[in-house]
Amino acid sequence: MAPIISEIEALNERIKYDPVLGKGSVTVSQIYFQSASSCAVPDECTITLDRRLTKGENDITALEELKNLESIKKAEAKVELFTYDIPSHTGLVYPTKSYFPVWLIEEDHPVVKAAKSAYKNLFSKDIAVYNWVFSTNGVSVMGLFGIPCIGFGPGREARAHAPNEFVEIEDLEVAAMMYAAIPQIYLQQAK
């Protein structure tokens, strides 16, 4: 597995860069092996990769770049996406590829304009528009289904998904007002 991991590390350095979304990445996140005992050479090794995509990449291109690595070909290694197929609390199994497509909405899109107008109307100042560095359900909404969406919510990005995460009450109030105002302005602009 060592030659494969080395080549994956080298691949990470040359993955595509997008001026807005930044560079994609790949890293080995888990290593599993099977061995008869702790003093025997393992006869099987599996790695899990965390592959972050950027604009212009997708599940097919990411898999192909891995399959084309010389070390992968030489080892005749199997490269595949995970499929989530764990039963829900009701027993329903809904197999889903572990694929989170890139999505980006332009600043001049009507949904973004509606959010900016809502903020300006409510607070008499402009809101900063930027790209979040973490994933959201937008990968399904817009990435898979093409339904325009934006990311907006209470709290500070730096505090999200961290120990002792919290949200200020004022941020909740602002978000509630925005959630009420954005659809109204969007519908008015659509008329």
Protein backbone atom coordinates (compact mmCIF):
# COMPACT_ATOMS: atom_id res chain seq x y z
CA MET A 1 0.00 0.00 0.00
CA ALA A 2 2.96 2.33 0.59
CA PRO A 3 3.54 3.10 -3.13
CA ILE A 4 -0.18 3.84 -3.57
CA ILE A 5 -0.25 6.18 -0.59
CA SER A 6 2.90 7.96 -1.82
CA GLU A 7 1.36 8.47 -5.25
CA ILE A 8 -1.89 9.73 -3.71
CA GLU A 9 0.11 12.28 -1.70
CA ALA A 10 1.78 13.44 -4.94
CA LEU A 11 -1.62 13.58 -6.67
CA ASN A 12 -2.89 15.90 -3.93
CA GLU A 13 -0.25 18.47 -4.89
CA ARG A 14 -1.43 18.67 -8.51
CA ILE A 15 -5.22 18.55 -8.11
CA LYS A 16 -7.17 21.24 -9.93
CA TYR A 17 -7.43 24.75 -8.49
CA ASP A 18 -10.42 27.08 -8.95
CA PRO A 19 -9.96 30.81 -8.24
CA VAL A 20 -13.29 31.01 -6.39
CA LEU A 21 -13.59 27.66 -4.61
CA GLY A 22 -9.91 26.90 -4.19
CA LYS A 23 -8.04 23.64 -4.67
CA GLY A 24 -9.49 20.18 -4.47
CA SER A 25 -7.74 17.69 -2.22
CA VAL A 26 -7.26 14.02 -1.50
CA THR A 27 -5.98 12.43 1.68
CA VAL A 28 -5.85 8.98 3.21
CA SER A 29 -8.30 9.13 6.10
CA GLN A 30 -8.38 5.47 7.19
CA ILE A 31 -6.20 2.36 6.76
CA TYR A 32 -7.44 -1.18 7.40
CA PHE A 33 -5.50 -4.41 7.08
CA GLN A 34 -5.97 -8.12 7.63
CA SER A 35 -3.30 -10.30 9.10
CA ALA A 36 -3.23 -13.74 10.70
CA SER A 37 -1.49 -12.29 13.74
CA SER A 38 0.45 -9.25 14.95
CA CYS A 39 3.72 -10.89 13.83
CA ALA A 40 2.55 -11.85 10.32
CA VAL A 41 2.79 -9.73 7.19
CA PRO A 42 -0.72 -8.50 6.32
CA ASP A 43 -2.20 -10.12 3.22
CA GLU A 44 -4.80 -7.40 2.59
CA CYS A 45 -4.91 -3.63 3.00
CA THR A 46 -7.72 -1.16 2.33
CA ILE A 47 -7.60 2.61 2.52
CA THR A 48 -10.35 5.18 2.65
CA LEU A 49 -9.77 8.49 0.91
CA ASP A 50 -11.35 11.84 1.62
CA ARG A 51 -11.55 13.52 -1.79
CA ARG A 52 -12.73 17.13 -1.79
CA LEU A 53 -13.79 18.33 -5.22
CA THR A 54 -13.55 21.78 -6.75
CA LYS A 55 -15.26 23.37 -9.73
CA GLY A 56 -14.87 21.28 -12.88
CA GLU A 57 -14.49 17.99 -11.01
CA ASN A 58 -17.02 15.25 -10.30
CA ASP A 59 -17.20 11.68 -9.04
CA ILE A 60 -16.21 10.23 -12.41
CA THR A 61 -13.16 12.46 -12.92
CA ALA A 62 -12.00 11.87 -9.33
CA LEU A 63 -12.28 8.09 -9.68
CA GLU A 64 -10.51 8.10 -13.05
CA GLU A 65 -7.54 10.11 -11.77
CA LEU A 66 -7.08 7.48 -9.04
CA LYS A 67 -7.54 4.52 -11.38
CA ASN A 68 -4.89 6.00 -13.69
CA LEU A 69 -2.19 6.09 -11.01
CA GLU A 70 0.65 3.69 -11.91
CA SER A 71 0.72 2.21 -8.40
CA ILE A 72 -3.03 1.46 -8.56
CA LYS A 73 -2.63 -0.25 -11.96
CA LYS A 74 0.42 -2.23 -10.82
CA ALA A 75 -1.35 -3.50 -7.69
CA GLU A 76 -4.57 -4.12 -9.65
CA ALA A 77 -6.26 -2.26 -6.82
CA LYS A 78 -10.01 -1.74 -6.74
CA VAL A 79 -11.15 1.92 -6.66
CA GLU A 80 -14.80 2.67 -5.89
CA LEU A 81 -17.18 5.10 -4.18
CA PHE A 82 -18.86 4.18 -0.93
CA THR A 83 -22.59 3.56 -1.02
CA TYR A 84 -24.60 4.55 2.04
CA ASP A 85 -27.09 1.73 2.57
CA ILE A 86 -27.63 1.66 6.33
CA PRO A 87 -31.28 1.05 7.31
CA SER A 88 -33.09 3.97 8.91
CA HIS A 89 -34.95 3.65 12.22
CA THR A 90 -37.95 2.36 10.22
CA GLY A 91 -35.85 -0.20 8.36
CA LEU A 92 -35.96 1.72 5.06
CA VAL A 93 -32.78 1.30 3.02
CA TYR A 94 -32.14 4.03 0.47
CA PRO A 95 -28.80 3.30 -1.21
CA THR A 96 -26.99 6.55 -2.03
CA LYS A 97 -23.57 7.14 -3.56
CA SER A 98 -21.14 8.94 -1.27
CA TYR A 99 -20.81 11.80 -3.73
CA PHE A 100 -21.06 15.46 -2.79
CA PRO A 101 -20.99 17.54 -5.99
CA VAL A 102 -19.53 21.00 -6.20
CA TRP A 103 -22.01 23.82 -6.49
CA LEU A 104 -21.62 27.55 -6.80
CA ILE A 105 -24.24 30.21 -7.27
CA GLU A 106 -23.21 33.48 -8.90
CA GLU A 107 -23.55 36.72 -6.96
CA ASP A 108 -25.86 38.18 -9.61
CA HIS A 109 -28.33 35.26 -9.33
CA PRO A 110 -31.89 36.33 -8.30
CA VAL A 111 -31.74 34.25 -5.09
CA VAL A 112 -28.54 36.01 -3.98
CA LYS A 113 -29.97 39.39 -4.96
CA ALA A 114 -33.11 38.66 -2.91
CA ALA A 115 -31.02 37.80 0.17
CA LYS A 116 -28.92 40.96 -0.23
CA SER A 117 -32.05 43.09 -0.65
CA ALA A 118 -33.72 41.49 2.38
CA TYR A 119 -30.71 42.30 4.57
CA LYS A 120 -30.47 45.86 3.24
CA ASN A 121 -34.20 46.43 3.82
CA LEU A 122 -34.09 45.02 7.34
CA PHE A 123 -30.83 46.50 8.62
CA SER A 124 -30.04 49.45 6.31
CA LYS A 125 -26.62 48.08 5.43
CA ASP A 126 -25.06 45.64 2.97
CA ILE A 127 -24.37 42.01 3.80
CA ALA A 128 -21.08 40.37 2.91
CA VAL A 129 -21.40 37.64 0.27
CA TYR A 130 -18.72 34.95 0.28
CA ASN A 131 -18.22 31.20 -0.09
CA TRP A 132 -18.49 28.92 2.89
CA VAL A 133 -15.54 26.57 3.31
CA PHE A 134 -17.67 23.70 4.59
CA SER A 135 -20.30 21.50 3.04
CA THR A 136 -24.07 21.95 3.27
CA ASN A 137 -27.18 20.22 1.97
CA GLY A 138 -26.69 22.42 -1.09
CA VAL A 139 -24.74 19.48 -2.53
CA SER A 140 -28.10 17.76 -3.00
CA VAL A 141 -30.38 20.75 -3.54
CA MET A 142 -28.25 22.52 -6.13
CA GLY A 143 -25.36 20.13 -6.81
CA LEU A 144 -27.52 17.10 -7.69
CA PHE A 145 -30.91 18.60 -8.51
CA GLY A 146 -29.99 22.06 -9.88
CA ILE A 147 -32.37 23.93 -7.56
CA PRO A 148 -30.83 27.34 -6.83
CA CYS A 149 -29.93 27.85 -3.19
CA ILE A 150 -27.75 29.94 -0.92
CA GLY A 151 -26.17 29.29 2.41
CA PHE A 152 -27.45 31.52 5.17
CA GLY A 153 -27.82 30.86 8.85
CA PRO A 154 -27.20 32.04 12.37
CA GLY A 155 -23.84 31.86 14.05
CA ARG A 156 -20.24 32.24 13.03
CA GLU A 157 -18.60 29.90 10.55
CA ALA A 158 -15.50 29.52 12.75
CA ARG A 159 -17.65 28.10 15.57
CA ALA A 160 -19.54 25.56 13.46
CA HIS A 161 -18.96 21.86 14.15
CA ALA A 162 -16.45 22.62 16.89
CA PRO A 163 -16.21 21.80 20.59
CA ASN A 164 -18.37 24.16 22.65
CA GLU A 165 -20.21 25.35 19.54
CA PHE A 166 -22.77 28.07 20.29
CA VAL A 167 -24.93 30.66 18.55
CA GLU A 168 -25.61 34.17 19.82
CA ILE A 169 -29.32 34.99 20.44
CA GLU A 170 -28.93 38.09 18.26
CA ASP A 171 -27.76 35.88 15.36
CA LEU A 172 -30.90 33.73 15.76
CA GLU A 173 -33.09 36.85 15.64
CA VAL A 174 -31.38 38.14 12.49
CA ALA A 175 -31.69 34.75 10.82
CA ALA A 176 -35.39 34.48 11.67
CA MET A 177 -36.06 37.90 10.14
CA MET A 178 -34.08 36.99 7.03
CA TYR A 179 -35.88 33.64 6.64
CA ALA A 180 -39.17 35.55 6.62
CA ALA A 181 -37.99 38.33 4.29
CA ILE A 182 -35.99 36.49 1.61
CA PRO A 183 -38.93 34.53 0.07
CA GLN A 184 -41.13 37.65 -0.05
CA ILE A 185 -38.47 39.69 -1.87
CA TYR A 186 -37.61 36.79 -4.18
CA LEU A 187 -41.26 36.45 -5.20
CA GLN A 188 -41.59 40.21 -5.71
CA GLN A 189 -38.51 40.25 -7.94
CA ALA A 190 -39.87 37.31 -9.95
CA LYS A 191 -43.04 39.23 -10.86
